[in-house]
Amino acid sequence: MKSTTITRIWHGRTKAEHANEYLEFLTKTGVADYKSTEGNKSVEILRRVSGDVCHFWTVTKWDTVESVKKFAGEDYEKAKYYEEDARFLLEFEPNVIHCETFEF
């Protein structure tokens, strides 16, 4: 078993018609911020269209909780949003999920 990392999972929903535009926005904002934060190990975006709604999940891996705080702030369990998210998101989920992650 390899050392533990912290996985942070955020979920958001847009209208399906905005899926590509939001993916581009998310890449320019969230992904760029994740990758520029010391302690970030990786970033993945999952996307699934279901009817007229598109679900997005960002899955990021971090070396420690302290590294997550460098990105998200001291209240790191809260979701981090950008002002422009209001153009796309159908709702603002208040929290994200953090998990210990074990690699084998």
N, C-alpha and C. Protein backbone atom coordinates (compact mmCIF):
# COMPACT_ATOMS: atom_id res chain seq x y z
N MET A 1 0.86 -1.18 0.00
CA MET A 1 0.00 0.00 0.00
C MET A 1 0.90 1.24 0.00
N LYS A 2 0.63 2.16 -0.93
CA LYS A 2 1.39 3.41 -1.00
C LYS A 2 0.84 4.41 0.01
N SER A 3 1.57 5.50 0.16
CA SER A 3 1.17 6.51 1.14
C SER A 3 -0.21 7.09 0.81
N THR A 4 -0.85 7.58 1.83
CA THR A 4 -2.19 8.14 1.72
C THR A 4 -2.15 9.51 1.07
N THR A 5 -3.11 9.76 0.21
CA THR A 5 -3.34 11.09 -0.31
C THR A 5 -4.76 11.49 0.05
N ILE A 6 -5.06 12.75 -0.13
CA ILE A 6 -6.41 13.25 0.12
C ILE A 6 -7.06 13.52 -1.23
N THR A 7 -8.25 12.97 -1.45
CA THR A 7 -9.01 13.21 -2.67
C THR A 7 -10.16 14.15 -2.33
N ARG A 8 -10.28 15.22 -3.13
CA ARG A 8 -11.34 16.22 -2.97
C ARG A 8 -12.27 16.08 -4.18
N ILE A 9 -13.57 15.94 -3.93
CA ILE A 9 -14.55 15.74 -4.99
C ILE A 9 -15.61 16.83 -4.89
N TRP A 10 -15.74 17.57 -5.98
CA TRP A 10 -16.76 18.61 -6.10
C TRP A 10 -17.75 18.21 -7.19
N HIS A 11 -19.02 18.54 -6.99
CA HIS A 11 -20.06 18.23 -7.98
C HIS A 11 -20.83 19.49 -8.32
N GLY A 12 -21.13 19.66 -9.61
CA GLY A 12 -21.96 20.76 -10.07
C GLY A 12 -22.80 20.33 -11.25
N ARG A 13 -23.90 21.07 -11.50
CA ARG A 13 -24.80 20.75 -12.61
C ARG A 13 -25.04 21.99 -13.45
N THR A 14 -25.04 21.79 -14.77
CA THR A 14 -25.38 22.84 -15.72
C THR A 14 -26.48 22.33 -16.64
N LYS A 15 -27.00 23.20 -17.47
CA LYS A 15 -27.86 22.75 -18.55
C LYS A 15 -26.98 22.01 -19.55
N ALA A 16 -27.50 20.94 -20.13
CA ALA A 16 -26.72 20.15 -21.09
C ALA A 16 -26.21 21.01 -22.24
N GLU A 17 -26.99 21.99 -22.65
CA GLU A 17 -26.58 22.85 -23.77
C GLU A 17 -25.35 23.70 -23.45
N HIS A 18 -25.02 23.82 -22.16
CA HIS A 18 -23.85 24.60 -21.73
C HIS A 18 -22.65 23.72 -21.37
N ALA A 19 -22.75 22.41 -21.62
CA ALA A 19 -21.72 21.47 -21.16
C ALA A 19 -20.33 21.82 -21.69
N ASN A 20 -20.19 22.06 -22.96
CA ASN A 20 -18.86 22.34 -23.51
C ASN A 20 -18.33 23.69 -23.06
N GLU A 21 -19.20 24.68 -23.00
CA GLU A 21 -18.78 26.01 -22.56
C GLU A 21 -18.35 25.98 -21.10
N TYR A 22 -19.08 25.24 -20.27
CA TYR A 22 -18.71 25.17 -18.86
C TYR A 22 -17.40 24.39 -18.68
N LEU A 23 -17.21 23.33 -19.45
CA LEU A 23 -15.96 22.58 -19.36
C LEU A 23 -14.78 23.50 -19.67
N GLU A 24 -14.91 24.33 -20.68
CA GLU A 24 -13.84 25.27 -21.03
C GLU A 24 -13.61 26.27 -19.89
N PHE A 25 -14.69 26.80 -19.33
CA PHE A 25 -14.59 27.73 -18.21
C PHE A 25 -13.93 27.07 -17.01
N LEU A 26 -14.36 25.86 -16.70
CA LEU A 26 -13.83 25.12 -15.55
C LEU A 26 -12.34 24.85 -15.72
N THR A 27 -11.93 24.57 -16.93
CA THR A 27 -10.51 24.32 -17.21
C THR A 27 -9.68 25.59 -16.98
N LYS A 28 -10.21 26.73 -17.41
CA LYS A 28 -9.48 27.99 -17.28
C LYS A 28 -9.43 28.50 -15.85
N THR A 29 -10.40 28.14 -15.04
CA THR A 29 -10.46 28.66 -13.67
C THR A 29 -10.03 27.60 -12.66
N GLY A 30 -10.92 26.69 -12.35
CA GLY A 30 -10.66 25.70 -11.31
C GLY A 30 -9.44 24.85 -11.58
N VAL A 31 -9.33 24.29 -12.78
CA VAL A 31 -8.19 23.41 -13.07
C VAL A 31 -6.88 24.19 -12.97
N ALA A 32 -6.86 25.39 -13.51
CA ALA A 32 -5.65 26.21 -13.43
C ALA A 32 -5.28 26.50 -11.98
N ASP A 33 -6.28 26.82 -11.15
CA ASP A 33 -6.02 27.08 -9.73
C ASP A 33 -5.56 25.84 -8.99
N TYR A 34 -6.21 24.70 -9.26
CA TYR A 34 -5.77 23.45 -8.62
C TYR A 34 -4.31 23.19 -8.93
N LYS A 35 -3.97 23.22 -10.22
CA LYS A 35 -2.63 22.84 -10.66
C LYS A 35 -1.55 23.81 -10.18
N SER A 36 -1.92 25.05 -9.91
CA SER A 36 -0.92 26.02 -9.47
C SER A 36 -0.76 26.04 -7.95
N THR A 37 -1.54 25.22 -7.24
CA THR A 37 -1.47 25.18 -5.78
C THR A 37 -0.47 24.11 -5.35
N GLU A 38 0.48 24.53 -4.53
CA GLU A 38 1.48 23.59 -4.02
C GLU A 38 0.80 22.45 -3.27
N GLY A 39 1.21 21.23 -3.58
CA GLY A 39 0.64 20.06 -2.93
C GLY A 39 -0.42 19.35 -3.75
N ASN A 40 -0.85 19.97 -4.86
CA ASN A 40 -1.80 19.28 -5.74
C ASN A 40 -1.05 18.23 -6.54
N LYS A 41 -1.61 17.02 -6.56
CA LYS A 41 -0.97 15.91 -7.26
C LYS A 41 -1.61 15.61 -8.61
N SER A 42 -2.92 15.85 -8.73
CA SER A 42 -3.60 15.58 -10.00
C SER A 42 -4.99 16.20 -10.01
N VAL A 43 -5.51 16.35 -11.24
CA VAL A 43 -6.85 16.90 -11.45
C VAL A 43 -7.52 16.06 -12.53
N GLU A 44 -8.75 15.66 -12.28
CA GLU A 44 -9.57 14.99 -13.27
C GLU A 44 -10.94 15.66 -13.28
N ILE A 45 -11.55 15.73 -14.45
CA ILE A 45 -12.93 16.19 -14.56
C ILE A 45 -13.75 15.05 -15.15
N LEU A 46 -14.82 14.73 -14.47
CA LEU A 46 -15.77 13.74 -14.98
C LEU A 46 -17.02 14.50 -15.41
N ARG A 47 -17.62 14.08 -16.51
CA ARG A 47 -18.80 14.76 -17.03
C ARG A 47 -19.79 13.71 -17.52
N ARG A 48 -21.08 13.95 -17.23
CA ARG A 48 -22.13 13.04 -17.69
C ARG A 48 -23.38 13.84 -18.01
N VAL A 49 -23.85 13.69 -19.24
CA VAL A 49 -25.10 14.33 -19.65
C VAL A 49 -26.24 13.36 -19.35
N SER A 50 -27.26 13.87 -18.69
CA SER A 50 -28.44 13.08 -18.35
C SER A 50 -29.67 13.92 -18.70
N GLY A 51 -30.24 13.65 -19.87
CA GLY A 51 -31.37 14.45 -20.33
C GLY A 51 -30.91 15.86 -20.63
N ASP A 52 -31.56 16.84 -20.02
CA ASP A 52 -31.20 18.23 -20.30
C ASP A 52 -30.24 18.81 -19.27
N VAL A 53 -29.66 17.95 -18.43
CA VAL A 53 -28.72 18.38 -17.38
C VAL A 53 -27.37 17.71 -17.61
N CYS A 54 -26.31 18.45 -17.32
CA CYS A 54 -24.97 17.89 -17.38
C CYS A 54 -24.34 17.97 -16.00
N HIS A 55 -23.87 16.84 -15.51
CA HIS A 55 -23.19 16.76 -14.21
C HIS A 55 -21.69 16.85 -14.43
N PHE A 56 -21.03 17.59 -13.55
CA PHE A 56 -19.57 17.67 -13.54
C PHE A 56 -19.08 17.27 -12.16
N TRP A 57 -18.00 16.54 -12.13
CA TRP A 57 -17.28 16.27 -10.90
C TRP A 57 -15.82 16.64 -11.14
N THR A 58 -15.24 17.40 -10.23
CA THR A 58 -13.79 17.56 -10.26
C THR A 58 -13.24 16.67 -9.17
N VAL A 59 -12.25 15.90 -9.52
CA VAL A 59 -11.61 14.96 -8.59
C VAL A 59 -10.14 15.35 -8.54
N THR A 60 -9.73 15.87 -7.40
CA THR A 60 -8.35 16.30 -7.25
C THR A 60 -7.68 15.51 -6.14
N LYS A 61 -6.39 15.30 -6.30
CA LYS A 61 -5.62 14.59 -5.27
C LYS A 61 -4.57 15.54 -4.71
N TRP A 62 -4.38 15.43 -3.41
CA TRP A 62 -3.52 16.35 -2.65
C TRP A 62 -2.62 15.55 -1.73
N ASP A 63 -1.46 16.12 -1.42
CA ASP A 63 -0.55 15.41 -0.53
C ASP A 63 -0.99 15.47 0.93
N THR A 64 -1.62 16.57 1.35
CA THR A 64 -2.09 16.71 2.74
C THR A 64 -3.33 17.60 2.79
N VAL A 65 -3.99 17.59 3.92
CA VAL A 65 -5.12 18.50 4.14
C VAL A 65 -4.63 19.94 4.12
N GLU A 66 -3.43 20.18 4.63
CA GLU A 66 -2.87 21.54 4.60
C GLU A 66 -2.75 22.05 3.17
N SER A 67 -2.44 21.18 2.22
CA SER A 67 -2.37 21.58 0.82
C SER A 67 -3.76 21.93 0.29
N VAL A 68 -4.76 21.16 0.68
CA VAL A 68 -6.14 21.47 0.28
C VAL A 68 -6.51 22.86 0.78
N LYS A 69 -6.12 23.18 2.00
CA LYS A 69 -6.43 24.49 2.58
C LYS A 69 -5.77 25.63 1.81
N LYS A 70 -4.62 25.37 1.21
CA LYS A 70 -3.97 26.40 0.38
C LYS A 70 -4.84 26.75 -0.81
N PHE A 71 -5.59 25.79 -1.30
CA PHE A 71 -6.52 26.03 -2.41
C PHE A 71 -7.85 26.59 -1.92
N ALA A 72 -8.44 25.93 -0.92
CA ALA A 72 -9.84 26.19 -0.55
C ALA A 72 -10.01 27.12 0.65
N GLY A 73 -8.95 27.38 1.38
CA GLY A 73 -9.06 28.18 2.58
C GLY A 73 -9.21 27.31 3.82
N GLU A 74 -9.22 27.95 4.95
CA GLU A 74 -9.24 27.23 6.23
C GLU A 74 -10.50 26.35 6.35
N ASP A 75 -11.64 26.83 5.86
CA ASP A 75 -12.88 26.06 5.89
C ASP A 75 -12.94 25.21 4.62
N TYR A 76 -12.02 24.29 4.50
CA TYR A 76 -11.79 23.55 3.26
C TYR A 76 -12.91 22.58 2.87
N GLU A 77 -13.84 22.31 3.77
CA GLU A 77 -14.97 21.43 3.44
C GLU A 77 -16.00 22.16 2.57
N LYS A 78 -15.93 23.48 2.53
CA LYS A 78 -16.85 24.28 1.72
C LYS A 78 -16.41 24.26 0.27
N ALA A 79 -17.36 24.25 -0.63
CA ALA A 79 -17.07 24.32 -2.05
C ALA A 79 -16.55 25.71 -2.38
N LYS A 80 -15.64 25.76 -3.34
CA LYS A 80 -15.09 27.04 -3.80
C LYS A 80 -15.71 27.36 -5.16
N TYR A 81 -16.28 28.55 -5.28
CA TYR A 81 -16.92 28.96 -6.52
C TYR A 81 -16.28 30.24 -7.05
N TYR A 82 -16.48 30.46 -8.33
CA TYR A 82 -16.02 31.66 -9.01
C TYR A 82 -17.24 32.49 -9.39
N GLU A 83 -17.07 33.79 -9.46
CA GLU A 83 -18.20 34.68 -9.74
C GLU A 83 -18.95 34.27 -11.01
N GLU A 84 -18.20 33.87 -12.03
CA GLU A 84 -18.80 33.51 -13.31
C GLU A 84 -19.59 32.19 -13.26
N ASP A 85 -19.42 31.40 -12.20
CA ASP A 85 -20.18 30.15 -12.07
C ASP A 85 -21.68 30.41 -12.12
N ALA A 86 -22.10 31.58 -11.70
CA ALA A 86 -23.54 31.91 -11.68
C ALA A 86 -24.14 31.87 -13.09
N ARG A 87 -23.33 32.05 -14.11
CA ARG A 87 -23.82 31.99 -15.49
C ARG A 87 -24.19 30.57 -15.91
N PHE A 88 -23.62 29.59 -15.24
CA PHE A 88 -23.74 28.21 -15.70
C PHE A 88 -24.45 27.27 -14.73
N LEU A 89 -24.11 27.35 -13.46
CA LEU A 89 -24.55 26.33 -12.51
C LEU A 89 -26.02 26.47 -12.16
N LEU A 90 -26.70 25.33 -12.04
CA LEU A 90 -28.11 25.30 -11.68
C LEU A 90 -28.32 25.45 -10.18
N GLU A 91 -27.28 25.16 -9.40
CA GLU A 91 -27.33 25.30 -7.95
C GLU A 91 -25.89 25.36 -7.44
N PHE A 92 -25.74 25.76 -6.21
CA PHE A 92 -24.42 25.85 -5.59
C PHE A 92 -24.40 24.93 -4.38
N GLU A 93 -23.88 23.74 -4.58
CA GLU A 93 -23.78 22.80 -3.47
C GLU A 93 -22.79 23.38 -2.46
N PRO A 94 -23.15 23.38 -1.18
CA PRO A 94 -22.30 24.07 -0.21
C PRO A 94 -20.99 23.37 0.14
N ASN A 95 -20.97 22.05 0.04
CA ASN A 95 -19.80 21.31 0.50
C ASN A 95 -19.25 20.38 -0.56
N VAL A 96 -18.02 19.99 -0.34
CA VAL A 96 -17.35 18.98 -1.16
C VAL A 96 -17.10 17.76 -0.30
N ILE A 97 -16.58 16.71 -0.92
CA ILE A 97 -16.25 15.48 -0.21
C ILE A 97 -14.74 15.33 -0.18
N HIS A 98 -14.20 14.95 0.96
CA HIS A 98 -12.78 14.61 1.07
C HIS A 98 -12.66 13.17 1.53
N CYS A 99 -11.75 12.44 0.91
CA CYS A 99 -11.54 11.03 1.25
C CYS A 99 -10.05 10.74 1.37
N GLU A 100 -9.70 9.91 2.32
CA GLU A 100 -8.35 9.35 2.31
C GLU A 100 -8.29 8.39 1.14
N THR A 101 -7.21 8.43 0.40
CA THR A 101 -7.08 7.60 -0.78
C THR A 101 -5.85 6.73 -0.65
N PHE A 102 -6.03 5.45 -0.85
CA PHE A 102 -4.93 4.48 -0.73
C PHE A 102 -4.65 3.89 -2.10
N GLU A 103 -3.41 3.87 -2.49
CA GLU A 103 -3.01 3.28 -3.76
C GLU A 103 -2.30 1.98 -3.50
N PHE A 104 -2.60 0.98 -4.29
CA PHE A 104 -2.01 -0.34 -4.11
C PHE A 104 -1.22 -0.75 -5.32
